[in-house]
Amino acid sequence: MTGGEERINKAGSAGRLGVRAGQNKAAAKKAVDCVFAVLGEALANGEEVRLAGFEAFGIKRRPAGTGRNPRTGAAVSISTSPTFKVGKTLKDAVNAGPAS
């Protein structure tokens, strides 16, 4: 990250969600965890996830290549990777700049 950019992690997003939804941080964290779990399960099943105007998650299939597990060094076959396509609503919000 460069020059004054901030980063938000999963815990930070749960905190912000809790404030907006009027929920405590634990309930918001559970909701965020559930969203990521559902996304992961859908992608693992080969499904595409679309959130209209915001984003689309999918899987890209390609000829298998060999990679390495960074923890064990074991060789692994890689033939799919998750993809993310930005929707117009999200793109416009980012281009508009910070919320006031």
C-alpha atoms as a PDB file:
ATOM      1  CA  MET A   1       0.000   0.000   0.000  1.00  0.00           C
ATOM      2  CA  THR A   2       1.240   3.465  -0.738  1.00  0.00           C
ATOM      3  CA  GLY A   3       0.843   7.023   0.453  1.00  0.00           C
ATOM      4  CA  GLY A   4      -1.859   7.141   3.117  1.00  0.00           C
ATOM      5  CA  GLU A   5      -3.991   4.251   1.853  1.00  0.00           C
ATOM      6  CA  GLU A   6      -5.767   2.318   4.564  1.00  0.00           C
ATOM      7  CA  ARG A   7      -6.471  -1.383   4.747  1.00  0.00           C
ATOM      8  CA  ILE A   8      -9.473  -3.083   6.320  1.00  0.00           C
ATOM      9  CA  ASN A   9      -9.435  -6.715   7.408  1.00  0.00           C
ATOM     10  CA  LYS A  10     -12.261  -9.145   8.168  1.00  0.00           C
ATOM     11  CA  ALA A  11     -12.512  -8.045  11.809  1.00  0.00           C
ATOM     12  CA  GLY A  12     -12.649  -4.381  10.780  1.00  0.00           C
ATOM     13  CA  SER A  13     -15.363  -5.059   8.228  1.00  0.00           C
ATOM     14  CA  ALA A  14     -17.363  -6.963  10.871  1.00  0.00           C
ATOM     15  CA  GLY A  15     -17.040  -3.989  13.225  1.00  0.00           C
ATOM     16  CA  ARG A  16     -18.306  -1.575  10.568  1.00  0.00           C
ATOM     17  CA  LEU A  17     -21.140  -3.943   9.639  1.00  0.00           C
ATOM     18  CA  GLY A  18     -22.163  -4.188  13.292  1.00  0.00           C
ATOM     19  CA  VAL A  19     -22.347  -0.414  13.629  1.00  0.00           C
ATOM     20  CA  ARG A  20     -24.417  -0.015  10.436  1.00  0.00           C
ATOM     21  CA  ALA A  21     -26.780  -2.882  11.282  1.00  0.00           C
ATOM     22  CA  GLY A  22     -27.131  -1.955  14.943  1.00  0.00           C
ATOM     23  CA  GLN A  23     -25.680  -5.316  15.991  1.00  0.00           C
ATOM     24  CA  ASN A  24     -22.836  -6.217  18.301  1.00  0.00           C
ATOM     25  CA  LYS A  25     -19.443  -7.084  16.858  1.00  0.00           C
ATOM     26  CA  ALA A  26     -19.826 -10.826  17.572  1.00  0.00           C
ATOM     27  CA  ALA A  27     -23.087 -11.048  15.590  1.00  0.00           C
ATOM     28  CA  ALA A  28     -21.586  -9.038  12.736  1.00  0.00           C
ATOM     29  CA  LYS A  29     -18.461 -11.245  12.678  1.00  0.00           C
ATOM     30  CA  LYS A  30     -20.663 -14.334  12.459  1.00  0.00           C
ATOM     31  CA  ALA A  31     -22.539 -12.780   9.510  1.00  0.00           C
ATOM     32  CA  VAL A  32     -19.286 -11.923   7.702  1.00  0.00           C
ATOM     33  CA  ASP A  33     -17.929 -15.438   8.335  1.00  0.00           C
ATOM     34  CA  CYS A  34     -21.153 -16.922   6.927  1.00  0.00           C
ATOM     35  CA  VAL A  35     -20.946 -14.800   3.768  1.00  0.00           C
ATOM     36  CA  PHE A  36     -17.373 -15.935   3.105  1.00  0.00           C
ATOM     37  CA  ALA A  37     -18.296 -19.565   3.842  1.00  0.00           C
ATOM     38  CA  VAL A  38     -21.210 -19.454   1.375  1.00  0.00           C
ATOM     39  CA  LEU A  39     -18.995 -17.858  -1.303  1.00  0.00           C
ATOM     40  CA  GLY A  40     -16.301 -20.487  -0.775  1.00  0.00           C
ATOM     41  CA  GLU A  41     -18.773 -23.377  -0.907  1.00  0.00           C
ATOM     42  CA  ALA A  42     -20.405 -22.079  -4.088  1.00  0.00           C
ATOM     43  CA  LEU A  43     -17.052 -21.611  -5.828  1.00  0.00           C
ATOM     44  CA  ALA A  44     -15.882 -25.063  -4.684  1.00  0.00           C
ATOM     45  CA  ASN A  45     -19.031 -26.476  -6.331  1.00  0.00           C
ATOM     46  CA  GLY A  46     -18.180 -24.688  -9.596  1.00  0.00           C
ATOM     47  CA  GLU A  47     -20.969 -22.143  -9.217  1.00  0.00           C
ATOM     48  CA  GLU A  48     -20.702 -18.458 -10.104  1.00  0.00           C
ATOM     49  CA  VAL A  49     -21.787 -15.934  -7.465  1.00  0.00           C
ATOM     50  CA  ARG A  50     -23.245 -12.652  -8.753  1.00  0.00           C
ATOM     51  CA  LEU A  51     -24.189  -9.678  -6.631  1.00  0.00           C
ATOM     52  CA  ALA A  52     -25.948  -7.474  -9.187  1.00  0.00           C
ATOM     53  CA  GLY A  53     -24.055  -4.274  -9.973  1.00  0.00           C
ATOM     54  CA  PHE A  54     -21.459  -4.986  -7.326  1.00  0.00           C
ATOM     55  CA  GLU A  55     -19.365  -7.998  -8.278  1.00  0.00           C
ATOM     56  CA  ALA A  56     -19.233 -11.516  -9.675  1.00  0.00           C
ATOM     57  CA  PHE A  57     -17.097 -14.339  -8.354  1.00  0.00           C
ATOM     58  CA  GLY A  58     -16.348 -17.346 -10.523  1.00  0.00           C
ATOM     59  CA  ILE A  59     -13.839 -20.050 -11.362  1.00  0.00           C
ATOM     60  CA  LYS A  60     -11.427 -19.967 -14.297  1.00  0.00           C
ATOM     61  CA  ARG A  61     -10.378 -23.344 -15.649  1.00  0.00           C
ATOM     62  CA  ARG A  62      -7.106 -23.749 -17.525  1.00  0.00           C
ATOM     63  CA  PRO A  63      -4.684 -26.546 -18.431  1.00  0.00           C
ATOM     64  CA  ALA A  64      -3.134 -27.996 -15.288  1.00  0.00           C
ATOM     65  CA  GLY A  65       0.183 -26.618 -14.127  1.00  0.00           C
ATOM     66  CA  THR A  66       2.367 -27.443 -11.145  1.00  0.00           C
ATOM     67  CA  GLY A  67       2.658 -25.206  -8.094  1.00  0.00           C
ATOM     68  CA  ARG A  68       4.076 -25.606  -4.608  1.00  0.00           C
ATOM     69  CA  ASN A  69       2.345 -25.582  -1.255  1.00  0.00           C
ATOM     70  CA  PRO A  70       4.157 -22.720   0.516  1.00  0.00           C
ATOM     71  CA  ARG A  71       3.937 -24.409   3.928  1.00  0.00           C
ATOM     72  CA  THR A  72       5.107 -27.895   2.991  1.00  0.00           C
ATOM     73  CA  GLY A  73       6.856 -27.408  -0.338  1.00  0.00           C
ATOM     74  CA  ALA A  74       4.821 -30.301  -1.766  1.00  0.00           C
ATOM     75  CA  ALA A  75       3.976 -30.156  -5.488  1.00  0.00           C
ATOM     76  CA  VAL A  76       0.313 -29.510  -6.274  1.00  0.00           C
ATOM     77  CA  SER A  77      -1.623 -29.506  -9.538  1.00  0.00           C
ATOM     78  CA  ILE A  78      -3.304 -26.183 -10.323  1.00  0.00           C
ATOM     79  CA  SER A  79      -6.061 -26.118 -12.942  1.00  0.00           C
ATOM     80  CA  THR A  80      -8.595 -23.674 -11.480  1.00  0.00           C
ATOM     81  CA  SER A  81      -8.403 -20.275  -9.872  1.00  0.00           C
ATOM     82  CA  PRO A  82     -11.051 -17.978  -8.429  1.00  0.00           C
ATOM     83  CA  THR A  83     -11.933 -14.859 -10.408  1.00  0.00           C
ATOM     84  CA  PHE A  84     -13.490 -11.557  -9.422  1.00  0.00           C
ATOM     85  CA  LYS A  85     -15.227  -9.144 -11.800  1.00  0.00           C
ATOM     86  CA  VAL A  86     -16.108  -5.676 -10.568  1.00  0.00           C
ATOM     87  CA  GLY A  87     -19.657  -4.506 -11.247  1.00  0.00           C
ATOM     88  CA  LYS A  88     -20.667  -1.012 -12.337  1.00  0.00           C
ATOM     89  CA  THR A  89     -22.081   0.023  -8.951  1.00  0.00           C
ATOM     90  CA  LEU A  90     -18.843  -0.834  -7.127  1.00  0.00           C
ATOM     91  CA  LYS A  91     -16.680   0.715  -9.849  1.00  0.00           C
ATOM     92  CA  ASP A  92     -18.689   3.958  -9.734  1.00  0.00           C
ATOM     93  CA  ALA A  93     -18.502   4.079  -5.915  1.00  0.00           C
ATOM     94  CA  VAL A  94     -14.709   3.658  -5.965  1.00  0.00           C
ATOM     95  CA  ASN A  95     -14.283   6.281  -8.681  1.00  0.00           C
ATOM     96  CA  ALA A  96     -16.453   8.741  -6.734  1.00  0.00           C
ATOM     97  CA  GLY A  97     -13.918   8.760  -3.899  1.00  0.00           C
ATOM     98  CA  PRO A  98     -14.332   8.577  -0.115  1.00  0.00           C
ATOM     99  CA  ALA A  99     -17.784   8.739   1.434  1.00  0.00           C
ATOM    100  CA  SER A 100     -18.488  11.986   3.259  1.00  0.00           C
END
